[in-house]
């Protein structure tokens, strides 16, 4: 007689971390340990003041009790939307682990010194790219970018590349974080954290 000893992973509102950032870090570490490709990749959804949504993939560069940080060109379409409507949503989906995290909150620029500090850790070609690309603008062709990048390479050949004033970080300060775990029969586990008026987090189970 054969006994099935398969352990089914569950997500229990009585056993999750009380702090959603800590719960996120545990799941993120699992994704890194599993050697998933680009576990830091996340969908960033923004909207115009009229409510027209837009979404794209960006990379998480920092997460702590203050929120989730990513970097971009402040002249980009996403930046224009965030400046006029400073609310956004993030989605992480780690398919091999059957896990998803949805995050909502208000977005603000990181201090310039934080952006400058991170910029200096970027590969040199990425630093050049931040200067060369007028992100989201229409250009005549790829050669425009390549020519500008070469000009910048020549200009900075023996010099440190400074952080552009039009480039930097945003921090999303979450007020909602939902953890989703796939389950058999589509009876998935969904645990929602919501920030309350006294600064603590409520924890609720949602129907799938």
N, C-alpha and C. Protein backbone atom coordinates (compact mmCIF):
# COMPACT_ATOMS: atom_id res chain seq x y z
N UNK A 1 0.85 -1.20 0.00
CA UNK A 1 0.00 0.00 0.00
C UNK A 1 0.89 1.25 0.00
N UNK A 2 0.59 2.18 -0.90
CA UNK A 2 1.40 3.39 -1.03
C UNK A 2 0.69 4.56 -0.37
N UNK A 3 1.45 5.30 0.41
CA UNK A 3 0.89 6.49 1.08
C UNK A 3 1.42 7.75 0.42
N UNK A 4 0.54 8.65 0.05
CA UNK A 4 0.95 9.93 -0.56
C UNK A 4 1.40 10.87 0.54
N UNK A 5 2.69 11.21 0.54
CA UNK A 5 3.25 12.07 1.60
C UNK A 5 3.53 13.48 1.08
N UNK A 6 2.95 13.83 -0.07
CA UNK A 6 3.16 15.16 -0.63
C UNK A 6 2.63 16.23 0.33
N UNK A 7 3.45 17.22 0.59
CA UNK A 7 3.04 18.32 1.47
C UNK A 7 2.53 19.46 0.61
N UNK A 8 1.29 19.85 0.84
CA UNK A 8 0.69 20.95 0.08
C UNK A 8 0.97 22.26 0.80
N UNK A 9 1.61 23.19 0.10
CA UNK A 9 1.89 24.50 0.71
C UNK A 9 0.59 25.28 0.85
N UNK A 10 0.40 25.86 2.01
CA UNK A 10 -0.79 26.68 2.26
C UNK A 10 -0.37 28.06 2.73
N UNK A 11 -1.31 28.97 2.69
CA UNK A 11 -1.11 30.33 3.19
C UNK A 11 -2.22 30.59 4.20
N UNK A 12 -1.84 30.66 5.46
CA UNK A 12 -2.80 30.72 6.56
C UNK A 12 -2.70 32.08 7.25
N UNK A 13 -3.82 32.79 7.32
CA UNK A 13 -3.82 34.12 7.94
C UNK A 13 -3.43 34.08 9.42
N UNK A 14 -3.53 32.91 10.04
CA UNK A 14 -3.17 32.79 11.46
C UNK A 14 -1.67 32.56 11.65
N UNK A 15 -0.97 32.22 10.55
CA UNK A 15 0.44 31.86 10.67
C UNK A 15 1.38 32.76 9.88
N UNK A 16 0.86 33.62 9.03
CA UNK A 16 1.74 34.53 8.28
C UNK A 16 2.38 35.53 9.23
N UNK A 17 3.43 36.17 8.76
CA UNK A 17 4.07 37.24 9.52
C UNK A 17 3.07 38.37 9.75
N UNK A 18 3.15 38.99 10.90
CA UNK A 18 2.24 40.11 11.19
C UNK A 18 2.59 41.35 10.36
N UNK A 19 3.84 41.44 9.95
CA UNK A 19 4.32 42.56 9.13
C UNK A 19 4.40 42.10 7.67
N UNK A 20 3.65 42.71 6.76
CA UNK A 20 3.65 42.25 5.37
C UNK A 20 5.00 42.43 4.67
N UNK A 21 5.78 43.41 5.09
CA UNK A 21 7.11 43.58 4.50
C UNK A 21 7.98 42.38 4.84
N UNK A 22 7.90 41.92 6.07
CA UNK A 22 8.63 40.73 6.47
C UNK A 22 8.14 39.51 5.69
N UNK A 23 6.84 39.38 5.52
CA UNK A 23 6.30 38.27 4.73
C UNK A 23 6.78 38.34 3.29
N UNK A 24 6.81 39.56 2.72
CA UNK A 24 7.31 39.72 1.36
C UNK A 24 8.77 39.30 1.27
N UNK A 25 9.57 39.74 2.23
CA UNK A 25 11.00 39.42 2.18
C UNK A 25 11.23 37.91 2.25
N UNK A 26 10.41 37.21 3.03
CA UNK A 26 10.52 35.75 3.09
C UNK A 26 10.24 35.13 1.73
N UNK A 27 9.17 35.57 1.10
CA UNK A 27 8.83 35.04 -0.22
C UNK A 27 9.85 35.44 -1.27
N UNK A 28 10.34 36.66 -1.21
CA UNK A 28 11.34 37.10 -2.17
C UNK A 28 12.61 36.28 -2.02
N UNK A 29 13.02 36.04 -0.78
CA UNK A 29 14.21 35.21 -0.53
C UNK A 29 14.02 33.81 -1.09
N UNK A 30 12.81 33.27 -0.98
CA UNK A 30 12.52 31.95 -1.55
C UNK A 30 12.71 31.97 -3.06
N UNK A 31 12.25 33.05 -3.71
CA UNK A 31 12.39 33.16 -5.16
C UNK A 31 13.86 33.25 -5.57
N UNK A 32 14.65 33.95 -4.78
CA UNK A 32 16.08 34.05 -5.05
C UNK A 32 16.75 32.70 -4.84
N UNK A 33 16.42 32.04 -3.73
CA UNK A 33 17.00 30.73 -3.42
C UNK A 33 16.66 29.71 -4.50
N UNK A 34 15.46 29.81 -5.05
CA UNK A 34 15.03 28.90 -6.13
C UNK A 34 15.69 29.23 -7.46
N UNK A 35 16.47 30.30 -7.50
CA UNK A 35 17.19 30.73 -8.69
C UNK A 35 16.24 31.00 -9.86
N UNK A 36 15.12 31.63 -9.53
CA UNK A 36 14.19 32.03 -10.58
C UNK A 36 14.81 33.17 -11.39
N UNK A 37 14.54 33.25 -12.68
CA UNK A 37 15.08 34.35 -13.48
C UNK A 37 14.46 35.68 -13.07
N UNK A 38 15.31 36.61 -12.71
CA UNK A 38 14.90 37.97 -12.36
C UNK A 38 13.73 37.99 -11.37
N UNK A 39 13.91 37.47 -10.17
CA UNK A 39 12.82 37.50 -9.19
C UNK A 39 12.42 38.91 -8.80
N UNK A 40 13.29 39.89 -9.07
CA UNK A 40 13.01 41.29 -8.73
C UNK A 40 12.14 41.99 -9.77
N UNK A 41 11.81 41.32 -10.87
CA UNK A 41 10.98 41.93 -11.92
C UNK A 41 9.54 42.07 -11.43
N UNK A 42 8.96 43.22 -11.65
CA UNK A 42 7.59 43.48 -11.18
C UNK A 42 6.85 44.35 -12.18
N UNK A 43 5.56 44.13 -12.27
CA UNK A 43 4.71 45.01 -13.07
C UNK A 43 4.41 46.27 -12.27
N UNK A 44 4.61 47.41 -12.89
CA UNK A 44 4.26 48.69 -12.28
C UNK A 44 3.08 49.26 -13.06
N UNK A 45 1.95 49.45 -12.38
CA UNK A 45 0.76 50.02 -13.01
C UNK A 45 0.54 51.43 -12.49
N UNK A 46 0.38 52.37 -13.40
CA UNK A 46 0.10 53.76 -13.07
C UNK A 46 -1.15 54.19 -13.84
N UNK A 47 -1.61 55.41 -13.59
CA UNK A 47 -2.78 55.90 -14.29
C UNK A 47 -2.71 57.42 -14.42
N UNK A 48 -3.35 57.93 -15.46
CA UNK A 48 -3.45 59.37 -15.64
C UNK A 48 -4.48 59.93 -14.64
N UNK A 49 -4.55 61.25 -14.48
CA UNK A 49 -5.58 61.82 -13.61
C UNK A 49 -6.99 61.45 -14.04
N UNK A 50 -7.17 61.15 -15.34
CA UNK A 50 -8.48 60.76 -15.86
C UNK A 50 -8.78 59.28 -15.63
N UNK A 51 -7.80 58.55 -15.10
CA UNK A 51 -8.02 57.14 -14.80
C UNK A 51 -7.59 56.17 -15.89
N UNK A 52 -6.92 56.64 -16.93
CA UNK A 52 -6.46 55.74 -17.99
C UNK A 52 -5.23 55.00 -17.50
N UNK A 53 -5.27 53.66 -17.41
CA UNK A 53 -4.16 52.91 -16.83
C UNK A 53 -3.05 52.62 -17.83
N UNK A 54 -1.88 52.33 -17.30
CA UNK A 54 -0.73 51.93 -18.10
C UNK A 54 0.14 51.03 -17.23
N UNK A 55 0.75 50.01 -17.82
CA UNK A 55 1.56 49.08 -17.04
C UNK A 55 2.80 48.70 -17.82
N UNK A 56 3.87 48.39 -17.08
CA UNK A 56 5.13 47.97 -17.68
C UNK A 56 5.95 47.23 -16.62
N UNK A 57 6.98 46.54 -17.05
CA UNK A 57 7.85 45.83 -16.11
C UNK A 57 9.01 46.74 -15.69
N UNK A 58 9.29 46.75 -14.40
CA UNK A 58 10.45 47.45 -13.86
C UNK A 58 11.12 46.52 -12.85
N UNK A 59 12.24 46.95 -12.29
CA UNK A 59 12.98 46.11 -11.36
C UNK A 59 12.97 46.70 -9.96
N UNK A 60 12.66 45.88 -8.99
CA UNK A 60 12.74 46.27 -7.59
C UNK A 60 14.21 46.38 -7.21
N UNK A 61 14.60 47.50 -6.63
CA UNK A 61 15.99 47.71 -6.23
C UNK A 61 16.18 47.76 -4.72
N UNK A 62 15.09 47.97 -3.99
CA UNK A 62 15.21 48.01 -2.53
C UNK A 62 13.83 47.81 -1.93
N UNK A 63 13.76 47.10 -0.81
CA UNK A 63 12.52 47.00 -0.05
C UNK A 63 12.87 47.00 1.43
N UNK A 64 12.15 47.82 2.18
CA UNK A 64 12.33 47.87 3.63
C UNK A 64 11.03 48.41 4.22
N UNK A 65 11.06 48.76 5.49
CA UNK A 65 9.84 49.22 6.15
C UNK A 65 9.30 50.51 5.54
N UNK A 66 10.12 51.22 4.75
CA UNK A 66 9.66 52.45 4.10
C UNK A 66 8.94 52.19 2.79
N UNK A 67 9.15 51.02 2.19
CA UNK A 67 8.45 50.71 0.96
C UNK A 67 9.32 50.06 -0.09
N UNK A 68 8.83 50.13 -1.35
CA UNK A 68 9.43 49.44 -2.48
C UNK A 68 10.01 50.48 -3.44
N UNK A 69 11.29 50.32 -3.80
CA UNK A 69 12.00 51.34 -4.57
C UNK A 69 12.37 50.83 -5.96
N UNK A 70 12.13 51.67 -6.97
CA UNK A 70 12.59 51.41 -8.33
C UNK A 70 13.12 52.73 -8.89
N UNK A 71 13.88 52.65 -9.99
CA UNK A 71 14.50 53.83 -10.59
C UNK A 71 14.09 53.98 -12.04
N UNK A 72 14.05 55.23 -12.49
CA UNK A 72 13.62 55.50 -13.86
C UNK A 72 14.02 56.90 -14.29
N UNK A 73 13.70 57.22 -15.52
CA UNK A 73 13.89 58.56 -16.06
C UNK A 73 12.70 59.42 -15.63
N UNK A 74 12.96 60.56 -15.02
CA UNK A 74 11.88 61.43 -14.55
C UNK A 74 11.14 62.13 -15.69
N UNK A 75 11.63 61.96 -16.93
CA UNK A 75 10.94 62.51 -18.10
C UNK A 75 10.11 61.45 -18.82
N UNK A 76 10.06 60.25 -18.28
CA UNK A 76 9.36 59.14 -18.93
C UNK A 76 7.85 59.27 -18.76
N UNK A 77 7.12 58.45 -19.51
CA UNK A 77 5.65 58.46 -19.42
C UNK A 77 5.19 58.04 -18.02
N UNK A 78 5.83 57.03 -17.45
CA UNK A 78 5.43 56.58 -16.13
C UNK A 78 5.65 57.66 -15.08
N UNK A 79 6.76 58.40 -15.23
CA UNK A 79 7.06 59.47 -14.28
C UNK A 79 6.03 60.59 -14.40
N UNK A 80 5.64 60.91 -15.63
CA UNK A 80 4.63 61.96 -15.83
C UNK A 80 3.32 61.57 -15.17
N UNK A 81 2.95 60.31 -15.28
CA UNK A 81 1.72 59.85 -14.65
C UNK A 81 1.83 59.89 -13.12
N UNK A 82 2.99 59.48 -12.61
CA UNK A 82 3.17 59.48 -11.16
C UNK A 82 3.19 60.90 -10.58
N UNK A 83 3.69 61.83 -11.35
CA UNK A 83 3.72 63.21 -10.87
C UNK A 83 2.32 63.80 -10.79
N UNK A 84 1.44 63.40 -11.71
CA UNK A 84 0.09 63.95 -11.72
C UNK A 84 -0.90 63.10 -10.91
N UNK A 85 -0.59 61.83 -10.73
CA UNK A 85 -1.45 60.92 -9.97
C UNK A 85 -0.53 59.97 -9.21
N UNK A 86 -0.11 60.35 -8.01
CA UNK A 86 0.96 59.63 -7.31
C UNK A 86 0.53 58.35 -6.60
N UNK A 87 -0.30 57.57 -7.25
CA UNK A 87 -0.70 56.27 -6.71
C UNK A 87 -0.41 55.21 -7.76
N UNK A 88 0.05 54.04 -7.30
CA UNK A 88 0.45 53.00 -8.23
C UNK A 88 0.22 51.63 -7.61
N UNK A 89 0.38 50.61 -8.45
CA UNK A 89 0.27 49.22 -7.99
C UNK A 89 1.45 48.44 -8.55
N UNK A 90 1.91 47.46 -7.79
CA UNK A 90 2.98 46.56 -8.20
C UNK A 90 2.45 45.13 -8.17
N UNK A 91 2.96 44.30 -9.06
CA UNK A 91 2.62 42.87 -9.05
C UNK A 91 3.90 42.06 -9.27
N UNK A 92 4.14 41.12 -8.36
CA UNK A 92 5.18 40.11 -8.53
C UNK A 92 4.49 38.78 -8.80
N UNK A 93 5.01 38.03 -9.78
CA UNK A 93 4.46 36.70 -10.05
C UNK A 93 5.61 35.73 -10.24
N UNK A 94 5.73 34.79 -9.31
CA UNK A 94 6.78 33.78 -9.36
C UNK A 94 6.13 32.45 -9.73
N UNK A 95 6.02 32.21 -11.03
CA UNK A 95 5.25 31.08 -11.54
C UNK A 95 5.70 29.73 -11.00
N UNK A 96 7.00 29.40 -10.99
CA UNK A 96 7.39 28.08 -10.49
C UNK A 96 7.01 27.84 -9.03
N UNK A 97 6.82 28.91 -8.27
CA UNK A 97 6.42 28.77 -6.88
C UNK A 97 4.92 28.92 -6.68
N UNK A 98 4.19 29.20 -7.78
CA UNK A 98 2.74 29.41 -7.70
C UNK A 98 2.39 30.51 -6.70
N UNK A 99 3.14 31.61 -6.74
CA UNK A 99 2.94 32.70 -5.80
C UNK A 99 2.83 34.03 -6.53
N UNK A 100 2.00 34.91 -5.98
CA UNK A 100 1.84 36.26 -6.51
C UNK A 100 1.71 37.22 -5.33
N UNK A 101 2.26 38.43 -5.51
CA UNK A 101 2.09 39.48 -4.51
C UNK A 101 1.61 40.73 -5.23
N UNK A 102 0.52 41.33 -4.73
CA UNK A 102 -0.02 42.57 -5.27
C UNK A 102 0.13 43.66 -4.21
N UNK A 103 0.60 44.84 -4.63
CA UNK A 103 0.92 45.93 -3.70
C UNK A 103 0.32 47.22 -4.24
N UNK A 104 -0.31 47.99 -3.36
CA UNK A 104 -0.86 49.29 -3.75
C UNK A 104 -0.41 50.35 -2.75
N UNK A 105 -0.27 51.58 -3.23
CA UNK A 105 0.10 52.65 -2.32
C UNK A 105 0.46 53.93 -3.03
N UNK A 106 0.87 54.89 -2.24
CA UNK A 106 1.28 56.20 -2.77
C UNK A 106 2.76 56.19 -3.08
N UNK A 107 3.12 56.91 -4.13
CA UNK A 107 4.50 56.92 -4.62
C UNK A 107 5.11 58.31 -4.45
N UNK A 108 6.37 58.33 -4.05
CA UNK A 108 7.10 59.60 -3.92
C UNK A 108 8.52 59.41 -4.45
N UNK A 109 9.14 60.51 -4.84
CA UNK A 109 10.53 60.43 -5.28
C UNK A 109 11.44 60.14 -4.09
N UNK A 110 12.49 59.37 -4.36
CA UNK A 110 13.51 59.18 -3.33
C UNK A 110 14.39 60.43 -3.27
N UNK A 111 15.04 60.69 -2.14
CA UNK A 111 15.96 61.83 -2.07
C UNK A 111 17.06 61.71 -3.13
N UNK A 112 17.52 62.85 -3.63
CA UNK A 112 18.52 62.87 -4.69
C UNK A 112 19.78 62.10 -4.30
N UNK A 113 20.17 62.19 -3.04
CA UNK A 113 21.39 61.49 -2.62
C UNK A 113 21.25 59.97 -2.72
N UNK A 114 20.04 59.45 -2.49
CA UNK A 114 19.80 58.01 -2.65
C UNK A 114 19.93 57.61 -4.11
N UNK A 115 19.37 58.44 -4.99
CA UNK A 115 19.46 58.15 -6.42
C UNK A 115 20.91 58.19 -6.88
N UNK A 116 21.65 59.17 -6.42
CA UNK A 116 23.05 59.30 -6.82
C UNK A 116 23.87 58.11 -6.32
N UNK A 117 23.60 57.69 -5.09
CA UNK A 117 24.33 56.56 -4.52
C UNK A 117 24.07 55.28 -5.32
N UNK A 118 22.80 55.03 -5.66
CA UNK A 118 22.50 53.84 -6.44
C UNK A 118 23.07 53.94 -7.85
N UNK A 119 22.99 55.12 -8.45
CA UNK A 119 23.48 55.31 -9.82
C UNK A 119 24.93 54.88 -9.94
N UNK A 120 25.73 55.15 -8.93
CA UNK A 120 27.15 54.82 -8.99
C UNK A 120 27.41 53.32 -8.92
N UNK A 121 26.41 52.53 -8.53
CA UNK A 121 26.58 51.07 -8.50
C UNK A 121 26.18 50.43 -9.83
N UNK A 122 25.59 51.19 -10.73
CA UNK A 122 25.11 50.62 -12.00
C UNK A 122 26.29 50.35 -12.95
N UNK A 123 26.15 49.35 -13.84
CA UNK A 123 27.18 49.15 -14.87
C UNK A 123 27.36 50.41 -15.69
N UNK A 124 28.58 50.63 -16.17
CA UNK A 124 28.89 51.86 -16.89
C UNK A 124 27.98 52.04 -18.11
N UNK A 125 27.67 50.94 -18.83
CA UNK A 125 26.82 51.07 -20.01
C UNK A 125 25.41 51.50 -19.63
N UNK A 126 24.94 51.11 -18.43
CA UNK A 126 23.63 51.55 -17.96
C UNK A 126 23.66 53.02 -17.56
N UNK A 127 24.79 53.46 -17.03
CA UNK A 127 24.94 54.88 -16.71
C UNK A 127 24.90 55.72 -17.98
N UNK A 128 25.60 55.26 -19.01
CA UNK A 128 25.58 55.95 -20.30
C UNK A 128 24.16 55.96 -20.86
N UNK A 129 23.47 54.84 -20.73
CA UNK A 129 22.11 54.74 -21.25
C UNK A 129 21.16 55.72 -20.61
N UNK A 130 21.35 55.98 -19.31
CA UNK A 130 20.48 56.92 -18.61
C UNK A 130 20.62 58.33 -19.18
N UNK A 131 21.81 58.66 -19.65
CA UNK A 131 22.02 59.97 -20.29
C UNK A 131 21.58 59.96 -21.75
N UNK A 132 21.78 58.83 -22.43
CA UNK A 132 21.58 58.79 -23.89
C UNK A 132 20.12 58.73 -24.30
N UNK A 133 19.28 58.11 -23.47
CA UNK A 133 17.91 57.86 -23.90
C UNK A 133 16.92 58.90 -23.40
N UNK A 134 16.23 59.60 -24.29
CA UNK A 134 15.12 60.48 -23.90
C UNK A 134 13.86 59.64 -23.71
N UNK A 135 13.81 58.88 -22.66
CA UNK A 135 12.83 57.81 -22.48
C UNK A 135 11.40 58.25 -22.78
N UNK A 136 10.71 57.43 -23.54
CA UNK A 136 9.30 57.59 -23.95
C UNK A 136 9.11 58.62 -25.06
N UNK A 137 10.18 59.31 -25.48
CA UNK A 137 10.07 60.27 -26.58
C UNK A 137 10.20 59.56 -27.92
N UNK A 138 9.54 60.09 -28.94
CA UNK A 138 9.67 59.55 -30.29
C UNK A 138 11.04 59.94 -30.85
N UNK A 139 11.74 58.95 -31.44
CA UNK A 139 13.04 59.23 -32.06
C UNK A 139 13.03 58.71 -33.50
N UNK A 140 13.94 59.24 -34.32
CA UNK A 140 13.94 58.91 -35.75
C UNK A 140 14.38 57.48 -36.02
N UNK A 141 15.19 56.91 -35.14
CA UNK A 141 15.68 55.55 -35.37
C UNK A 141 16.67 55.17 -34.29
N UNK A 142 17.06 53.89 -34.26
CA UNK A 142 17.98 53.42 -33.24
C UNK A 142 19.34 54.11 -33.34
N UNK A 143 19.70 54.51 -34.56
CA UNK A 143 20.99 55.15 -34.74
C UNK A 143 21.12 56.42 -33.91
N UNK A 144 19.99 57.06 -33.61
CA UNK A 144 20.01 58.26 -32.76
C UNK A 144 20.56 57.90 -31.38
N UNK A 145 20.07 56.80 -30.83
CA UNK A 145 20.54 56.35 -29.52
C UNK A 145 22.00 55.94 -29.57
N UNK A 146 22.36 55.16 -30.59
CA UNK A 146 23.73 54.66 -30.68
C UNK A 146 24.74 55.78 -30.87
N UNK A 147 24.36 56.77 -31.66
CA UNK A 147 25.26 57.91 -31.86
C UNK A 147 25.43 58.70 -30.57
N UNK A 148 24.32 58.92 -29.87
CA UNK A 148 24.39 59.67 -28.62
C UNK A 148 25.19 58.90 -27.58
N UNK A 149 25.00 57.58 -27.51
CA UNK A 149 25.75 56.77 -26.56
C UNK A 149 27.25 56.83 -26.85
N UNK A 150 27.62 56.80 -28.13
CA UNK A 150 29.04 56.88 -28.48
C UNK A 150 29.62 58.24 -28.12
N UNK A 151 28.86 59.30 -28.34
CA UNK A 151 29.32 60.63 -27.97
C UNK A 151 29.57 60.71 -26.46
N UNK A 152 28.67 60.10 -25.69
CA UNK A 152 28.83 60.13 -24.24
C UNK A 152 30.00 59.26 -23.78
N UNK A 153 30.19 58.12 -24.45
CA UNK A 153 31.36 57.28 -24.15
C UNK A 153 32.64 58.06 -24.36
N UNK A 154 32.72 58.80 -25.45
CA UNK A 154 33.91 59.60 -25.73
C UNK A 154 34.08 60.70 -24.69
N UNK A 155 32.96 61.34 -24.32
CA UNK A 155 33.02 62.46 -23.38
C UNK A 155 33.47 61.99 -21.99
N UNK A 156 32.97 60.83 -21.57
CA UNK A 156 33.26 60.33 -20.22
C UNK A 156 34.37 59.28 -20.21
N UNK A 157 35.15 59.21 -21.26
CA UNK A 157 36.12 58.13 -21.41
C UNK A 157 37.01 57.96 -20.18
N UNK A 158 37.51 59.02 -19.63
CA UNK A 158 38.41 58.93 -18.47
C UNK A 158 37.82 59.64 -17.26
N UNK A 159 36.49 59.68 -17.21
CA UNK A 159 35.84 60.41 -16.13
C UNK A 159 34.73 59.57 -15.51
N UNK A 160 34.41 59.89 -14.28
CA UNK A 160 33.26 59.26 -13.63
C UNK A 160 31.99 59.86 -14.19
N UNK A 161 30.99 59.03 -14.40
CA UNK A 161 29.72 59.49 -14.95
C UNK A 161 28.80 59.90 -13.80
N UNK A 162 28.41 61.16 -13.79
CA UNK A 162 27.54 61.63 -12.72
C UNK A 162 26.09 61.26 -12.99
N UNK A 163 25.30 61.22 -11.95
CA UNK A 163 23.89 60.89 -12.07
C UNK A 163 23.14 62.05 -12.75
N UNK A 164 22.37 61.78 -13.79
CA UNK A 164 21.61 62.86 -14.43
C UNK A 164 20.55 63.43 -13.47
N UNK A 165 20.29 64.70 -13.60
CA UNK A 165 19.26 65.30 -12.77
C UNK A 165 17.87 64.82 -13.11
N UNK A 166 17.71 64.27 -14.32
CA UNK A 166 16.39 63.79 -14.76
C UNK A 166 16.19 62.31 -14.47
N UNK A 167 17.04 61.72 -13.67
CA UNK A 167 16.98 60.28 -13.41
C UNK A 167 17.03 60.04 -11.91
N UNK A 168 16.22 59.09 -11.43
CA UNK A 168 16.26 58.80 -10.01
C UNK A 168 15.20 57.79 -9.59
N UNK A 169 15.01 57.71 -8.29
CA UNK A 169 14.15 56.67 -7.75
C UNK A 169 12.77 57.15 -7.35
N UNK A 170 11.89 56.16 -7.24
CA UNK A 170 10.57 56.34 -6.64
C UNK A 170 10.40 55.29 -5.55
N UNK A 171 9.70 55.66 -4.52
CA UNK A 171 9.38 54.73 -3.44
C UNK A 171 7.87 54.61 -3.31
N UNK A 172 7.36 53.40 -3.44
CA UNK A 172 5.94 53.15 -3.21
C UNK A 172 5.78 52.76 -1.74
N UNK A 173 5.00 53.57 -1.02
CA UNK A 173 4.71 53.29 0.38
C UNK A 173 3.38 52.53 0.44
N UNK A 174 3.40 51.25 0.74
CA UNK A 174 2.20 50.44 0.60
C UNK A 174 1.15 50.72 1.67
N UNK A 175 -0.13 50.65 1.26
CA UNK A 175 -1.23 50.62 2.23
C UNK A 175 -2.06 49.36 2.07
N UNK A 176 -1.77 48.58 0.98
CA UNK A 176 -2.39 47.28 0.80
C UNK A 176 -1.36 46.33 0.19
N UNK A 177 -1.27 45.13 0.74
CA UNK A 177 -0.41 44.09 0.17
C UNK A 177 -1.17 42.77 0.24
N UNK A 178 -1.33 42.14 -0.91
CA UNK A 178 -2.03 40.86 -0.96
C UNK A 178 -1.09 39.74 -1.40
N UNK A 179 -1.10 38.65 -0.65
CA UNK A 179 -0.32 37.46 -0.98
C UNK A 179 -1.26 36.38 -1.51
N UNK A 180 -0.90 35.79 -2.63
CA UNK A 180 -1.73 34.80 -3.32
C UNK A 180 -0.92 33.53 -3.51
N UNK A 181 -1.53 32.40 -3.17
CA UNK A 181 -0.88 31.09 -3.37
C UNK A 181 -1.86 30.18 -4.09
N UNK A 182 -1.41 29.62 -5.21
CA UNK A 182 -2.25 28.73 -5.99
C UNK A 182 -2.60 27.47 -5.20
N UNK A 183 -3.88 27.04 -5.33
CA UNK A 183 -4.33 25.81 -4.68
C UNK A 183 -5.18 25.00 -5.66
N UNK A 184 -5.33 23.73 -5.38
CA UNK A 184 -6.07 22.83 -6.24
C UNK A 184 -7.52 23.29 -6.42
N UNK A 185 -8.04 23.12 -7.64
CA UNK A 185 -9.42 23.47 -7.91
C UNK A 185 -9.68 24.96 -7.94
N UNK A 186 -8.61 25.74 -8.07
CA UNK A 186 -8.68 27.20 -8.09
C UNK A 186 -9.23 27.78 -6.79
N UNK A 187 -9.16 27.00 -5.72
CA UNK A 187 -9.53 27.52 -4.40
C UNK A 187 -8.27 28.08 -3.76
N UNK A 188 -7.76 29.13 -4.38
CA UNK A 188 -6.47 29.69 -4.01
C UNK A 188 -6.54 30.37 -2.63
N UNK A 189 -5.37 30.47 -2.00
CA UNK A 189 -5.25 31.24 -0.76
C UNK A 189 -4.95 32.69 -1.11
N UNK A 190 -5.69 33.62 -0.50
CA UNK A 190 -5.45 35.06 -0.68
C UNK A 190 -5.50 35.72 0.70
N UNK A 191 -4.38 36.31 1.08
CA UNK A 191 -4.29 36.98 2.37
C UNK A 191 -4.01 38.46 2.13
N UNK A 192 -4.88 39.32 2.62
CA UNK A 192 -4.78 40.76 2.40
C UNK A 192 -4.37 41.48 3.68
N UNK A 193 -3.31 42.28 3.58
CA UNK A 193 -2.89 43.19 4.65
C UNK A 193 -3.35 44.60 4.25
N UNK A 194 -3.97 45.30 5.18
CA UNK A 194 -4.36 46.69 4.96
C UNK A 194 -3.85 47.55 6.10
N UNK A 195 -3.27 48.69 5.74
CA UNK A 195 -2.75 49.62 6.74
C UNK A 195 -3.90 50.36 7.38
N UNK A 196 -3.95 50.36 8.71
CA UNK A 196 -5.04 51.02 9.43
C UNK A 196 -4.63 52.43 9.83
N UNK A 197 -5.59 53.19 10.35
CA UNK A 197 -5.34 54.59 10.70
C UNK A 197 -4.33 54.74 11.82
N UNK A 198 -4.14 53.71 12.64
CA UNK A 198 -3.17 53.81 13.73
C UNK A 198 -1.79 53.28 13.35
N UNK A 199 -1.61 52.97 12.04
CA UNK A 199 -0.30 52.55 11.55
C UNK A 199 -0.02 51.06 11.66
N UNK A 200 -0.99 50.28 12.12
CA UNK A 200 -0.82 48.84 12.18
C UNK A 200 -1.47 48.19 10.96
N UNK A 201 -1.23 46.90 10.79
CA UNK A 201 -1.75 46.19 9.64
C UNK A 201 -2.85 45.22 10.06
N UNK A 202 -3.99 45.29 9.38
CA UNK A 202 -5.03 44.28 9.56
C UNK A 202 -4.75 43.15 8.58
N UNK A 203 -5.17 41.93 8.93
CA UNK A 203 -4.94 40.76 8.08
C UNK A 203 -6.27 40.04 7.87
N UNK A 204 -6.62 39.84 6.59
CA UNK A 204 -7.88 39.21 6.25
C UNK A 204 -7.69 38.18 5.16
N UNK A 205 -8.54 37.17 5.15
CA UNK A 205 -8.57 36.20 4.06
C UNK A 205 -9.64 36.62 3.05
N UNK A 206 -9.27 36.55 1.76
CA UNK A 206 -10.20 36.86 0.68
C UNK A 206 -10.60 35.58 -0.05
N UNK A 207 -11.80 35.54 -0.57
CA UNK A 207 -12.21 34.43 -1.41
C UNK A 207 -11.46 34.49 -2.73
N UNK A 208 -11.09 33.35 -3.29
CA UNK A 208 -10.33 33.36 -4.56
C UNK A 208 -11.24 33.72 -5.74
